[in-house]
Amino acid sequence: MKIKPIRTEQDYENALSRLEVIFDAPVDTTEGDEAEILSLIIENYENKNYPIEAPDPIEAIKIRMEEMNLKQKDLVGVIGGKSRVSEVLNRKKRLTVEMIRTLEQKLQISATVLVSEYKLMGE
């Protein structure tokens, strides 16, 4: 078992190929240990080189609505009337502090995500 740091895309490809071969190795075996270490250094390389951006606030709301099986009308009263919900979800109006507080509670979306910058239509 010779594990090296992943410094290049080729190193990354080699590590993925090796992990594929030993992925199902039993725990507490040489190959099992190698698979565990490889997966950690692969994850580290991916986090540095392929970061996943958090969704913007409106995308986060839409994703959570889908997860909770909610429709646009279900946000009436949460972020305002029917037209205000439509304006916000269609990026015509910005979220207010009060909307963010309510959405954080009702949809369990972090305020940190909800206060992030996002573009309105036409910006």
PDB file of N, CA and C in Angstrom:
ATOM      1  N   MET A   1       0.863  -1.175   0.000  1.00  0.00           N
ATOM      2  CA  MET A   1       0.000   0.000   0.000  1.00  0.00           C
ATOM      3  C   MET A   1       0.903   1.229   0.000  1.00  0.00           C
ATOM      4  N   LYS A   2       0.934   1.931  -1.138  1.00  0.00           N
ATOM      5  CA  LYS A   2       1.705   3.162  -1.228  1.00  0.00           C
ATOM      6  C   LYS A   2       0.759   4.274  -1.653  1.00  0.00           C
ATOM      7  N   ILE A   3       0.378   5.111  -0.694  1.00  0.00           N
ATOM      8  CA  ILE A   3      -0.534   6.206  -0.986  1.00  0.00           C
ATOM      9  C   ILE A   3       0.265   7.502  -1.043  1.00  0.00           C
ATOM     10  N   LYS A   4       0.021   8.264  -2.108  1.00  0.00           N
ATOM     11  CA  LYS A   4       0.697   9.545  -2.272  1.00  0.00           C
ATOM     12  C   LYS A   4      -0.358  10.653  -2.248  1.00  0.00           C
ATOM     13  N   PRO A   5       0.072  11.879  -1.939  1.00  0.00           N
ATOM     14  CA  PRO A   5      -0.865  13.002  -2.018  1.00  0.00           C
ATOM     15  C   PRO A   5      -1.354  13.173  -3.464  1.00  0.00           C
ATOM     16  N   ILE A   6      -2.539  13.712  -3.612  1.00  0.00           N
ATOM     17  CA  ILE A   6      -3.076  13.989  -4.939  1.00  0.00           C
ATOM     18  C   ILE A   6      -2.723  15.443  -5.270  1.00  0.00           C
ATOM     19  N   ARG A   7      -1.856  15.602  -6.270  1.00  0.00           N
ATOM     20  CA  ARG A   7      -1.405  16.948  -6.633  1.00  0.00           C
ATOM     21  C   ARG A   7      -1.836  17.358  -8.031  1.00  0.00           C
ATOM     22  N   THR A   8      -2.138  16.384  -8.871  1.00  0.00           N
ATOM     23  CA  THR A   8      -2.502  16.678 -10.254  1.00  0.00           C
ATOM     24  C   THR A   8      -3.794  15.948 -10.611  1.00  0.00           C
ATOM     25  N   GLU A   9      -4.340  16.326 -11.747  1.00  0.00           N
ATOM     26  CA  GLU A   9      -5.544  15.658 -12.235  1.00  0.00           C
ATOM     27  C   GLU A   9      -5.251  14.180 -12.517  1.00  0.00           C
ATOM     28  N   GLN A  10      -4.053  13.888 -12.980  1.00  0.00           N
ATOM     29  CA  GLN A  10      -3.667  12.493 -13.242  1.00  0.00           C
ATOM     30  C   GLN A  10      -3.605  11.702 -11.932  1.00  0.00           C
ATOM     31  N   ASP A  11      -3.030  12.300 -10.890  1.00  0.00           N
ATOM     32  CA  ASP A  11      -3.008  11.657  -9.566  1.00  0.00           C
ATOM     33  C   ASP A  11      -4.435  11.364  -9.110  1.00  0.00           C
ATOM     34  N   TYR A  12      -5.319  12.326  -9.344  1.00  0.00           N
ATOM     35  CA  TYR A  12      -6.724  12.200  -8.952  1.00  0.00           C
ATOM     36  C   TYR A  12      -7.382  11.027  -9.696  1.00  0.00           C
ATOM     37  N   GLU A  13      -7.166  10.971 -11.006  1.00  0.00           N
ATOM     38  CA  GLU A  13      -7.729   9.882 -11.812  1.00  0.00           C
ATOM     39  C   GLU A  13      -7.195   8.525 -11.347  1.00  0.00           C
ATOM     40  N   ASN A  14      -5.891   8.465 -11.062  1.00  0.00           N
ATOM     41  CA  ASN A  14      -5.282   7.218 -10.576  1.00  0.00           C
ATOM     42  C   ASN A  14      -5.879   6.797  -9.240  1.00  0.00           C
ATOM     43  N   ALA A  15      -6.074   7.763  -8.352  1.00  0.00           N
ATOM     44  CA  ALA A  15      -6.643   7.467  -7.030  1.00  0.00           C
ATOM     45  C   ALA A  15      -8.066   6.945  -7.179  1.00  0.00           C
ATOM     46  N   LEU A  16      -8.857   7.576  -8.057  1.00  0.00           N
ATOM     47  CA  LEU A  16     -10.233   7.109  -8.287  1.00  0.00           C
ATOM     48  C   LEU A  16     -10.249   5.683  -8.843  1.00  0.00           C
ATOM     49  N   SER A  17      -9.352   5.417  -9.778  1.00  0.00           N
ATOM     50  CA  SER A  17      -9.280   4.073 -10.368  1.00  0.00           C
ATOM     51  C   SER A  17      -8.928   3.036  -9.313  1.00  0.00           C
ATOM     52  N   ARG A  18      -7.955   3.347  -8.475  1.00  0.00           N
ATOM     53  CA  ARG A  18      -7.543   2.411  -7.424  1.00  0.00           C
ATOM     54  C   ARG A  18      -8.674   2.204  -6.423  1.00  0.00           C
ATOM     55  N   LEU A  19      -9.352   3.286  -6.051  1.00  0.00           N
ATOM     56  CA  LEU A  19     -10.444   3.167  -5.088  1.00  0.00           C
ATOM     57  C   LEU A  19     -11.553   2.288  -5.645  1.00  0.00           C
ATOM     58  N   GLU A  20     -11.810   2.408  -6.924  1.00  0.00           N
ATOM     59  CA  GLU A  20     -12.830   1.580  -7.557  1.00  0.00           C
ATOM     60  C   GLU A  20     -12.503   0.094  -7.400  1.00  0.00           C
ATOM     61  N   VAL A  21     -11.230  -0.249  -7.512  1.00  0.00           N
ATOM     62  CA  VAL A  21     -10.791  -1.642  -7.409  1.00  0.00           C
ATOM     63  C   VAL A  21     -10.947  -2.174  -5.981  1.00  0.00           C
ATOM     64  N   ILE A  22     -10.619  -1.344  -4.984  1.00  0.00           N
ATOM     65  CA  ILE A  22     -10.586  -1.833  -3.593  1.00  0.00           C
ATOM     66  C   ILE A  22     -11.761  -1.350  -2.754  1.00  0.00           C
ATOM     67  N   PHE A  23     -12.743  -0.707  -3.393  1.00  0.00           N
ATOM     68  CA  PHE A  23     -13.843  -0.081  -2.666  1.00  0.00           C
ATOM     69  C   PHE A  23     -14.555  -1.022  -1.696  1.00  0.00           C
ATOM     70  N   ASP A  24     -14.792  -2.251  -2.087  1.00  0.00           N
ATOM     71  CA  ASP A  24     -15.540  -3.200  -1.252  1.00  0.00           C
ATOM     72  C   ASP A  24     -14.654  -4.058  -0.354  1.00  0.00           C
ATOM     73  N   ALA A  25     -13.397  -3.636  -0.181  1.00  0.00           N
ATOM     74  CA  ALA A  25     -12.489  -4.414   0.681  1.00  0.00           C
ATOM     75  C   ALA A  25     -13.024  -4.415   2.117  1.00  0.00           C
ATOM     76  N   PRO A  26     -12.879  -5.539   2.810  1.00  0.00           N
ATOM     77  CA  PRO A  26     -13.349  -5.616   4.197  1.00  0.00           C
ATOM     78  C   PRO A  26     -12.603  -4.626   5.102  1.00  0.00           C
ATOM     79  N   VAL A  27     -13.326  -4.120   6.076  1.00  0.00           N
ATOM     80  CA  VAL A  27     -12.740  -3.215   7.074  1.00  0.00           C
ATOM     81  C   VAL A  27     -11.663  -3.982   7.843  1.00  0.00           C
ATOM     82  N   ASP A  28     -10.682  -3.258   8.340  1.00  0.00           N
ATOM     83  CA  ASP A  28      -9.582  -3.844   9.131  1.00  0.00           C
ATOM     84  C   ASP A  28      -8.705  -4.803   8.320  1.00  0.00           C
ATOM     85  N   THR A  29      -8.628  -4.544   7.011  1.00  0.00           N
ATOM     86  CA  THR A  29      -7.669  -5.265   6.175  1.00  0.00           C
ATOM     87  C   THR A  29      -6.767  -4.195   5.563  1.00  0.00           C
ATOM     88  N   THR A  30      -5.667  -4.596   4.993  1.00  0.00           N
ATOM     89  CA  THR A  30      -4.760  -3.640   4.355  1.00  0.00           C
ATOM     90  C   THR A  30      -5.487  -2.856   3.267  1.00  0.00           C
ATOM     91  N   GLU A  31      -6.227  -3.562   2.426  1.00  0.00           N
ATOM     92  CA  GLU A  31      -6.952  -2.875   1.359  1.00  0.00           C
ATOM     93  C   GLU A  31      -8.103  -2.033   1.904  1.00  0.00           C
ATOM     94  N   GLY A  32      -8.730  -2.478   2.971  1.00  0.00           N
ATOM     95  CA  GLY A  32      -9.794  -1.704   3.615  1.00  0.00           C
ATOM     96  C   GLY A  32      -9.253  -0.384   4.151  1.00  0.00           C
ATOM     97  N   ASP A  33      -8.086  -0.455   4.801  1.00  0.00           N
ATOM     98  CA  ASP A  33      -7.437   0.758   5.310  1.00  0.00           C
ATOM     99  C   ASP A  33      -7.050   1.679   4.158  1.00  0.00           C
ATOM    100  N   GLU A  34      -6.517   1.087   3.105  1.00  0.00           N
ATOM    101  CA  GLU A  34      -6.119   1.879   1.931  1.00  0.00           C
ATOM    102  C   GLU A  34      -7.340   2.586   1.329  1.00  0.00           C
ATOM    103  N   ALA A  35      -8.461   1.889   1.229  1.00  0.00           N
ATOM    104  CA  ALA A  35      -9.682   2.475   0.677  1.00  0.00           C
ATOM    105  C   ALA A  35     -10.154   3.647   1.534  1.00  0.00           C
ATOM    106  N   GLU A  36     -10.071   3.490   2.835  1.00  0.00           N
ATOM    107  CA  GLU A  36     -10.502   4.556   3.745  1.00  0.00           C
ATOM    108  C   GLU A  36      -9.620   5.793   3.592  1.00  0.00           C
ATOM    109  N   ILE A  37      -8.313   5.595   3.546  1.00  0.00           N
ATOM    110  CA  ILE A  37      -7.371   6.716   3.394  1.00  0.00           C
ATOM    111  C   ILE A  37      -7.532   7.358   2.020  1.00  0.00           C
ATOM    112  N   LEU A  38      -7.636   6.550   0.982  1.00  0.00           N
ATOM    113  CA  LEU A  38      -7.816   7.083  -0.378  1.00  0.00           C
ATOM    114  C   LEU A  38      -9.079   7.937  -0.476  1.00  0.00           C
ATOM    115  N   SER A  39     -10.164   7.457   0.117  1.00  0.00           N
ATOM    116  CA  SER A  39     -11.413   8.221   0.030  1.00  0.00           C
ATOM    117  C   SER A  39     -11.265   9.583   0.718  1.00  0.00           C
ATOM    118  N   LEU A  40     -10.492   9.645   1.793  1.00  0.00           N
ATOM    119  CA  LEU A  40     -10.267  10.923   2.478  1.00  0.00           C
ATOM    120  C   LEU A  40      -9.439  11.887   1.639  1.00  0.00           C
ATOM    121  N   ILE A  41      -8.372  11.392   1.012  1.00  0.00           N
ATOM    122  CA  ILE A  41      -7.550  12.308   0.224  1.00  0.00           C
ATOM    123  C   ILE A  41      -8.258  12.696  -1.086  1.00  0.00           C
ATOM    124  N   ILE A  42      -9.088  11.810  -1.616  1.00  0.00           N
ATOM    125  CA  ILE A  42      -9.891  12.146  -2.798  1.00  0.00           C
ATOM    126  C   ILE A  42     -10.889  13.244  -2.429  1.00  0.00           C
ATOM    127  N   GLU A  43     -11.562  13.076  -1.303  1.00  0.00           N
ATOM    128  CA  GLU A  43     -12.526  14.079  -0.844  1.00  0.00           C
ATOM    129  C   GLU A  43     -11.847  15.428  -0.637  1.00  0.00           C
ATOM    130  N   ASN A  44     -10.679  15.415  -0.035  1.00  0.00           N
ATOM    131  CA  ASN A  44      -9.924  16.647   0.193  1.00  0.00           C
ATOM    132  C   ASN A  44      -9.595  17.334  -1.138  1.00  0.00           C
ATOM    133  N   TYR A  45      -9.116  16.565  -2.104  1.00  0.00           N
ATOM    134  CA  TYR A  45      -8.774  17.105  -3.422  1.00  0.00           C
ATOM    135  C   TYR A  45     -10.020  17.687  -4.101  1.00  0.00           C
ATOM    136  N   GLU A  46     -11.145  16.973  -4.031  1.00  0.00           N
ATOM    137  CA  GLU A  46     -12.380  17.438  -4.658  1.00  0.00           C
ATOM    138  C   GLU A  46     -12.876  18.724  -4.003  1.00  0.00           C
ATOM    139  N   ASN A  47     -12.803  18.807  -2.684  1.00  0.00           N
ATOM    140  CA  ASN A  47     -13.242  20.018  -1.982  1.00  0.00           C
ATOM    141  C   ASN A  47     -12.416  21.230  -2.377  1.00  0.00           C
ATOM    142  N   LYS A  48     -11.118  21.020  -2.603  1.00  0.00           N
ATOM    143  CA  LYS A  48     -10.244  22.126  -2.995  1.00  0.00           C
ATOM    144  C   LYS A  48     -10.429  22.510  -4.460  1.00  0.00           C
ATOM    145  N   ASN A  49     -10.594  21.522  -5.324  1.00  0.00           N
ATOM    146  CA  ASN A  49     -10.596  21.768  -6.759  1.00  0.00           C
ATOM    147  C   ASN A  49     -11.976  21.823  -7.416  1.00  0.00           C
ATOM    148  N   TYR A  50     -12.968  21.266  -6.775  1.00  0.00           N
ATOM    149  CA  TYR A  50     -14.322  21.266  -7.329  1.00  0.00           C
ATOM    150  C   TYR A  50     -15.335  21.661  -6.257  1.00  0.00           C
ATOM    151  N   PRO A  51     -15.188  22.863  -5.691  1.00  0.00           N
ATOM    152  CA  PRO A  51     -16.104  23.248  -4.616  1.00  0.00           C
ATOM    153  C   PRO A  51     -17.544  23.346  -5.121  1.00  0.00           C
ATOM    154  N   ILE A  52     -18.451  22.961  -4.286  1.00  0.00           N
ATOM    155  CA  ILE A  52     -19.870  23.033  -4.626  1.00  0.00           C
ATOM    156  C   ILE A  52     -20.417  24.302  -3.981  1.00  0.00           C
ATOM    157  N   GLU A  53     -20.883  25.196  -4.820  1.00  0.00           N
ATOM    158  CA  GLU A  53     -21.420  26.453  -4.329  1.00  0.00           C
ATOM    159  C   GLU A  53     -22.803  26.203  -3.735  1.00  0.00           C
ATOM    160  N   ALA A  54     -23.091  26.934  -2.664  1.00  0.00           N
ATOM    161  CA  ALA A  54     -24.423  26.866  -2.089  1.00  0.00           C
ATOM    162  C   ALA A  54     -25.404  27.521  -3.055  1.00  0.00           C
ATOM    163  N   PRO A  55     -26.641  27.046  -3.104  1.00  0.00           N
ATOM    164  CA  PRO A  55     -27.609  27.669  -4.003  1.00  0.00           C
ATOM    165  C   PRO A  55     -27.914  29.089  -3.531  1.00  0.00           C
ATOM    166  N   ASP A  56     -28.344  29.951  -4.460  1.00  0.00           N
ATOM    167  CA  ASP A  56     -28.734  31.288  -4.036  1.00  0.00           C
ATOM    168  C   ASP A  56     -30.043  31.167  -3.244  1.00  0.00           C
ATOM    169  N   PRO A  57     -30.447  32.222  -2.536  1.00  0.00           N
ATOM    170  CA  PRO A  57     -31.625  32.120  -1.663  1.00  0.00           C
ATOM    171  C   PRO A  57     -32.894  31.632  -2.369  1.00  0.00           C
ATOM    172  N   ILE A  58     -33.146  32.133  -3.572  1.00  0.00           N
ATOM    173  CA  ILE A  58     -34.368  31.740  -4.267  1.00  0.00           C
ATOM    174  C   ILE A  58     -34.311  30.262  -4.669  1.00  0.00           C
ATOM    175  N   GLU A  59     -33.152  29.813  -5.156  1.00  0.00           N
ATOM    176  CA  GLU A  59     -32.996  28.384  -5.481  1.00  0.00           C
ATOM    177  C   GLU A  59     -33.164  27.531  -4.227  1.00  0.00           C
ATOM    178  N   ALA A  60     -32.599  27.990  -3.112  1.00  0.00           N
ATOM    179  CA  ALA A  60     -32.716  27.240  -1.851  1.00  0.00           C
ATOM    180  C   ALA A  60     -34.185  27.099  -1.447  1.00  0.00           C
ATOM    181  N   ILE A  61     -34.946  28.169  -1.599  1.00  0.00           N
ATOM    182  CA  ILE A  61     -36.376  28.126  -1.268  1.00  0.00           C
ATOM    183  C   ILE A  61     -37.085  27.127  -2.188  1.00  0.00           C
ATOM    184  N   LYS A  62     -36.795  27.199  -3.484  1.00  0.00           N
ATOM    185  CA  LYS A  62     -37.456  26.303  -4.441  1.00  0.00           C
ATOM    186  C   LYS A  62     -37.087  24.840  -4.190  1.00  0.00           C
ATOM    187  N   ILE A  63     -35.831  24.597  -3.851  1.00  0.00           N
ATOM    188  CA  ILE A  63     -35.397  23.225  -3.544  1.00  0.00           C
ATOM    189  C   ILE A  63     -36.141  22.701  -2.315  1.00  0.00           C
ATOM    190  N   ARG A  64     -36.203  23.532  -1.264  1.00  0.00           N
ATOM    191  CA  ARG A  64     -36.894  23.100  -0.044  1.00  0.00           C
ATOM    192  C   ARG A  64     -38.380  22.909  -0.292  1.00  0.00           C
ATOM    193  N   MET A  65     -38.984  23.787  -1.105  1.00  0.00           N
ATOM    194  CA  MET A  65     -40.406  23.618  -1.436  1.00  0.00           C
ATOM    195  C   MET A  65     -40.637  22.264  -2.104  1.00  0.00           C
ATOM    196  N   GLU A  66     -39.748  21.910  -3.023  1.00  0.00           N
ATOM    197  CA  GLU A  66     -39.872  20.625  -3.712  1.00  0.00           C
ATOM    198  C   GLU A  66     -39.714  19.472  -2.720  1.00  0.00           C
ATOM    199  N   GLU A  67     -38.722  19.583  -1.832  1.00  0.00           N
ATOM    200  CA  GLU A  67     -38.489  18.527  -0.832  1.00  0.00           C
ATOM    201  C   GLU A  67     -39.694  18.350   0.086  1.00  0.00           C
ATOM    202  N   MET A  68     -40.359  19.472   0.407  1.00  0.00           N
ATOM    203  CA  MET A  68     -41.492  19.442   1.336  1.00  0.00           C
ATOM    204  C   MET A  68     -42.824  19.310   0.601  1.00  0.00           C
ATOM    205  N   ASN A  69     -42.749  19.154  -0.721  1.00  0.00           N
ATOM    206  CA  ASN A  69     -43.955  19.030  -1.539  1.00  0.00           C
ATOM    207  C   ASN A  69     -44.871  20.242  -1.409  1.00  0.00           C
ATOM    208  N   LEU A  70     -44.277  21.430  -1.396  1.00  0.00           N
ATOM    209  CA  LEU A  70     -45.049  22.662  -1.266  1.00  0.00           C
ATOM    210  C   LEU A  70     -45.217  23.323  -2.628  1.00  0.00           C
ATOM    211  N   LYS A  71     -46.323  24.006  -2.792  1.00  0.00           N
ATOM    212  CA  LYS A  71     -46.585  24.797  -3.996  1.00  0.00           C
ATOM    213  C   LYS A  71     -46.405  26.267  -3.630  1.00  0.00           C
ATOM    214  N   GLN A  72     -46.376  27.107  -4.656  1.00  0.00           N
ATOM    215  CA  GLN A  72     -46.204  28.536  -4.450  1.00  0.00           C
ATOM    216  C   GLN A  72     -47.272  29.075  -3.501  1.00  0.00           C
ATOM    217  N   LYS A  73     -48.510  28.608  -3.650  1.00  0.00           N
ATOM    218  CA  LYS A  73     -49.614  29.086  -2.807  1.00  0.00           C
ATOM    219  C   LYS A  73     -49.388  28.764  -1.329  1.00  0.00           C
ATOM    220  N   ASP A  74     -48.574  27.742  -1.039  1.00  0.00           N
ATOM    221  CA  ASP A  74     -48.303  27.370   0.349  1.00  0.00           C
ATOM    222  C   ASP A  74     -47.435  28.408   1.065  1.00  0.00           C
ATOM    223  N   LEU A  75     -46.791  29.299   0.302  1.00  0.00           N
ATOM    224  CA  LEU A  75     -45.969  30.344   0.915  1.00  0.00           C
ATOM    225  C   LEU A  75     -46.753  31.632   1.157  1.00  0.00           C
ATOM    226  N   VAL A  76     -48.025  31.663   0.719  1.00  0.00           N
ATOM    227  CA  VAL A  76     -48.874  32.810   1.020  1.00  0.00           C
ATOM    228  C   VAL A  76     -49.042  32.852   2.533  1.00  0.00           C
ATOM    229  N   GLY A  77     -48.775  34.008   3.108  1.00  0.00           N
ATOM    230  CA  GLY A  77     -48.821  34.143   4.563  1.00  0.00           C
ATOM    231  C   GLY A  77     -47.459  33.943   5.197  1.00  0.00           C
ATOM    232  N   VAL A  78     -46.575  33.219   4.510  1.00  0.00           N
ATOM    233  CA  VAL A  78     -45.221  33.011   5.010  1.00  0.00           C
ATOM    234  C   VAL A  78     -44.338  34.185   4.587  1.00  0.00           C
ATOM    235  N   ILE A  79     -44.444  34.563   3.308  1.00  0.00           N
ATOM    236  CA  ILE A  79     -43.648  35.710   2.848  1.00  0.00           C
ATOM    237  C   ILE A  79     -44.522  36.813   2.267  1.00  0.00           C
ATOM    238  N   GLY A  80     -45.811  36.742   2.479  1.00  0.00           N
ATOM    239  CA  GLY A  80     -46.716  37.793   2.022  1.00  0.00           C
ATOM    240  C   GLY A  80     -47.875  37.214   1.245  1.00  0.00           C
ATOM    241  N   GLY A  81     -48.567  38.111   0.539  1.00  0.00           N
ATOM    242  CA  GLY A  81     -49.709  37.698  -0.260  1.00  0.00           C
ATOM    243  C   GLY A  81     -49.284  36.964  -1.511  1.00  0.00           C
ATOM    244  N   LYS A  82     -50.301  36.536  -2.276  1.00  0.00           N
ATOM    245  CA  LYS A  82     -50.068  35.745  -3.491  1.00  0.00           C
ATOM    246  C   LYS A  82     -49.132  36.465  -4.467  1.00  0.00           C
ATOM    247  N   SER A  83     -49.355  37.759  -4.687  1.00  0.00           N
ATOM    248  CA  SER A  83     -48.515  38.480  -5.648  1.00  0.00           C
ATOM    249  C   SER A  83     -47.096  38.668  -5.121  1.00  0.00           C
ATOM    250  N   ARG A  84     -46.933  38.863  -3.814  1.00  0.00           N
ATOM    251  CA  ARG A  84     -45.588  39.029  -3.243  1.00  0.00           C
ATOM    252  C   ARG A  84     -44.800  37.731  -3.358  1.00  0.00           C
ATOM    253  N   VAL A  85     -45.431  36.601  -3.103  1.00  0.00           N
ATOM    254  CA  VAL A  85     -44.771  35.299  -3.247  1.00  0.00           C
ATOM    255  C   VAL A  85     -44.291  35.134  -4.687  1.00  0.00           C
ATOM    256  N   SER A  86     -45.149  35.447  -5.631  1.00  0.00           N
ATOM    257  CA  SER A  86     -44.794  35.344  -7.044  1.00  0.00           C
ATOM    258  C   SER A  86     -43.635  36.269  -7.394  1.00  0.00           C
ATOM    259  N   GLU A  87     -43.669  37.506  -6.909  1.00  0.00           N
ATOM    260  CA  GLU A  87     -42.603  38.471  -7.192  1.00  0.00           C
ATOM    261  C   GLU A  87     -41.258  38.000  -6.648  1.00  0.00           C
ATOM    262  N   VAL A  88     -41.276  37.448  -5.434  1.00  0.00           N
ATOM    263  CA  VAL A  88     -40.030  36.978  -4.810  1.00  0.00           C
ATOM    264  C   VAL A  88     -39.490  35.760  -5.561  1.00  0.00           C
ATOM    265  N   LEU A  89     -40.344  34.767  -5.806  1.00  0.00           N
ATOM    266  CA  LEU A  89     -39.888  33.540  -6.459  1.00  0.00           C
ATOM    267  C   LEU A  89     -39.496  33.757  -7.921  1.00  0.00           C
ATOM    268  N   ASN A  90     -40.008  34.813  -8.536  1.00  0.00           N
ATOM    269  CA  ASN A  90     -39.643  35.150  -9.910  1.00  0.00           C
ATOM    270  C   ASN A  90     -38.567  36.231  -9.964  1.00  0.00           C
ATOM    271  N   ARG A  91     -37.955  36.481  -8.819  1.00  0.00           N
ATOM    272  CA  ARG A  91     -36.812  37.401  -8.718  1.00  0.00           C
ATOM    273  C   ARG A  91     -37.131  38.829  -9.143  1.00  0.00           C
ATOM    274  N   LYS A  92     -38.335  39.273  -8.803  1.00  0.00           N
ATOM    275  CA  LYS A  92     -38.712  40.654  -9.113  1.00  0.00           C
ATOM    276  C   LYS A  92     -38.618  41.527  -7.862  1.00  0.00           C
ATOM    277  N   LYS A  93     -38.713  40.907  -6.702  1.00  0.00           N
ATOM    278  CA  LYS A  93     -38.585  41.605  -5.414  1.00  0.00           C
ATOM    279  C   LYS A  93     -37.615  40.829  -4.544  1.00  0.00           C
ATOM    280  N   ARG A  94     -36.891  41.555  -3.696  1.00  0.00           N
ATOM    281  CA  ARG A  94     -35.943  40.929  -2.772  1.00  0.00           C
ATOM    282  C   ARG A  94     -36.637  40.453  -1.506  1.00  0.00           C
ATOM    283  N   LEU A  95     -36.010  39.476  -0.870  1.00  0.00           N
ATOM    284  CA  LEU A  95     -36.481  39.025   0.440  1.00  0.00           C
ATOM    285  C   LEU A  95     -36.229  40.134   1.456  1.00  0.00           C
ATOM    286  N   THR A  96     -37.171  40.314   2.362  1.00  0.00           N
ATOM    287  CA  THR A  96     -36.977  41.274   3.455  1.00  0.00           C
ATOM    288  C   THR A  96     -36.485  40.508   4.681  1.00  0.00           C
ATOM    289  N   VAL A  97     -36.033  41.247   5.675  1.00  0.00           N
ATOM    290  CA  VAL A  97     -35.565  40.612   6.913  1.00  0.00           C
ATOM    291  C   VAL A  97     -36.688  39.796   7.547  1.00  0.00           C
ATOM    292  N   GLU A  98     -37.892  40.319   7.528  1.00  0.00           N
ATOM    293  CA  GLU A  98     -39.035  39.605   8.112  1.00  0.00           C
ATOM    294  C   GLU A  98     -39.323  38.312   7.352  1.00  0.00           C
ATOM    295  N   MET A  99     -39.253  38.365   6.021  1.00  0.00           N
ATOM    296  CA  MET A  99     -39.461  37.150   5.213  1.00  0.00           C
ATOM    297  C   MET A  99     -38.395  36.110   5.542  1.00  0.00           C
ATOM    298  N   ILE A 100     -37.151  36.561   5.665  1.00  0.00           N
ATOM    299  CA  ILE A 100     -36.039  35.654   5.961  1.00  0.00           C
ATOM    300  C   ILE A 100     -36.257  34.968   7.297  1.00  0.00           C
ATOM    301  N   ARG A 101     -36.681  35.732   8.295  1.00  0.00           N
ATOM    302  CA  ARG A 101     -36.948  35.130   9.623  1.00  0.00           C
ATOM    303  C   ARG A 101     -38.029  34.063   9.542  1.00  0.00           C
ATOM    304  N   THR A 102     -39.098  34.370   8.820  1.00  0.00           N
ATOM    305  CA  THR A 102     -40.213  33.425   8.705  1.00  0.00           C
ATOM    306  C   THR A 102     -39.804  32.186   7.912  1.00  0.00           C
ATOM    307  N   LEU A 103     -39.108  32.401   6.790  1.00  0.00           N
ATOM    308  CA  LEU A 103     -38.659  31.275   5.972  1.00  0.00           C
ATOM    309  C   LEU A 103     -37.697  30.372   6.740  1.00  0.00           C
ATOM    310  N   GLU A 104     -36.831  30.982   7.536  1.00  0.00           N
ATOM    311  CA  GLU A 104     -35.889  30.189   8.331  1.00  0.00           C
ATOM    312  C   GLU A 104     -36.651  29.242   9.249  1.00  0.00           C
ATOM    313  N   GLN A 105     -37.705  29.739   9.871  1.00  0.00           N
ATOM    314  CA  GLN A 105     -38.499  28.900  10.782  1.00  0.00           C
ATOM    315  C   GLN A 105     -39.364  27.883  10.040  1.00  0.00           C
ATOM    316  N   LYS A 106     -40.104  28.350   9.053  1.00  0.00           N
ATOM    317  CA  LYS A 106     -41.085  27.479   8.384  1.00  0.00           C
ATOM    318  C   LYS A 106     -40.442  26.450   7.466  1.00  0.00           C
ATOM    319  N   LEU A 107     -39.368  26.852   6.752  1.00  0.00           N
ATOM    320  CA  LEU A 107     -38.755  25.932   5.796  1.00  0.00           C
ATOM    321  C   LEU A 107     -37.437  25.347   6.293  1.00  0.00           C
ATOM    322  N   GLN A 108     -37.004  25.774   7.477  1.00  0.00           N
ATOM    323  CA  GLN A 108     -35.744  25.280   8.046  1.00  0.00           C
ATOM    324  C   GLN A 108     -34.564  25.512   7.092  1.00  0.00           C
ATOM    325  N   ILE A 109     -34.510  26.734   6.536  1.00  0.00           N
ATOM    326  CA  ILE A 109     -33.387  27.130   5.694  1.00  0.00           C
ATOM    327  C   ILE A 109     -32.563  28.112   6.504  1.00  0.00           C
ATOM    328  N   SER A 110     -31.273  27.902   6.559  1.00  0.00           N
ATOM    329  CA  SER A 110     -30.384  28.770   7.316  1.00  0.00           C
ATOM    330  C   SER A 110     -30.482  30.211   6.843  1.00  0.00           C
ATOM    331  N   ALA A 111     -30.545  31.143   7.785  1.00  0.00           N
ATOM    332  CA  ALA A 111     -30.562  32.565   7.447  1.00  0.00           C
ATOM    333  C   ALA A 111     -29.303  32.935   6.668  1.00  0.00           C
ATOM    334  N   THR A 112     -28.202  32.250   6.936  1.00  0.00           N
ATOM    335  CA  THR A 112     -26.954  32.504   6.212  1.00  0.00           C
ATOM    336  C   THR A 112     -27.153  32.316   4.714  1.00  0.00           C
ATOM    337  N   VAL A 113     -27.903  31.297   4.323  1.00  0.00           N
ATOM    338  CA  VAL A 113     -28.198  31.061   2.906  1.00  0.00           C
ATOM    339  C   VAL A 113     -29.164  32.125   2.394  1.00  0.00           C
ATOM    340  N   LEU A 114     -30.183  32.445   3.192  1.00  0.00           N
ATOM    341  CA  LEU A 114     -31.223  33.368   2.752  1.00  0.00           C
ATOM    342  C   LEU A 114     -30.741  34.806   2.591  1.00  0.00           C
ATOM    343  N   VAL A 115     -29.702  35.198   3.318  1.00  0.00           N
ATOM    344  CA  VAL A 115     -29.206  36.579   3.201  1.00  0.00           C
ATOM    345  C   VAL A 115     -28.142  36.726   2.120  1.00  0.00           C
ATOM    346  N   SER A 116     -27.773  35.651   1.469  1.00  0.00           N
ATOM    347  CA  SER A 116     -26.763  35.707   0.412  1.00  0.00           C
ATOM    348  C   SER A 116     -27.246  36.594  -0.739  1.00  0.00           C
ATOM    349  N   GLU A 117     -26.270  37.171  -1.438  1.00  0.00           N
ATOM    350  CA  GLU A 117     -26.568  38.008  -2.598  1.00  0.00           C
ATOM    351  C   GLU A 117     -27.164  37.164  -3.721  1.00  0.00           C
ATOM    352  N   TYR A 118     -28.092  37.744  -4.440  1.00  0.00           N
ATOM    353  CA  TYR A 118     -28.629  37.120  -5.648  1.00  0.00           C
ATOM    354  C   TYR A 118     -29.138  38.218  -6.562  1.00  0.00           C
ATOM    355  N   LYS A 119     -29.219  37.890  -7.837  1.00  0.00           N
ATOM    356  CA  LYS A 119     -29.650  38.871  -8.826  1.00  0.00           C
ATOM    357  C   LYS A 119     -31.159  38.830  -9.007  1.00  0.00           C
ATOM    358  N   LEU A 120     -31.722  40.030  -9.205  1.00  0.00           N
ATOM    359  CA  LEU A 120     -33.125  40.128  -9.576  1.00  0.00           C
ATOM    360  C   LEU A 120     -33.216  40.051 -11.094  1.00  0.00           C
ATOM    361  N   MET A 121     -34.390  39.784 -11.619  1.00  0.00           N
ATOM    362  CA  MET A 121     -34.597  39.766 -13.071  1.00  0.00           C
ATOM    363  C   MET A 121     -34.183  41.114 -13.625  1.00  0.00           C
ATOM    364  N   GLY A 122     -33.440  41.084 -14.709  1.00  0.00           N
ATOM    365  CA  GLY A 122     -33.054  42.320 -15.357  1.00  0.00           C
ATOM    366  C   GLY A 122     -31.791  42.966 -14.800  1.00  0.00           C
ATOM    367  N   GLU A 123     -31.188  42.389 -13.774  1.00  0.00           N
ATOM    368  CA  GLU A 123     -29.950  42.965 -13.213  1.00  0.00           C
ATOM    369  C   GLU A 123     -28.740  42.477 -13.960  1.00  0.00           C
TER     370      GLU A 123
END
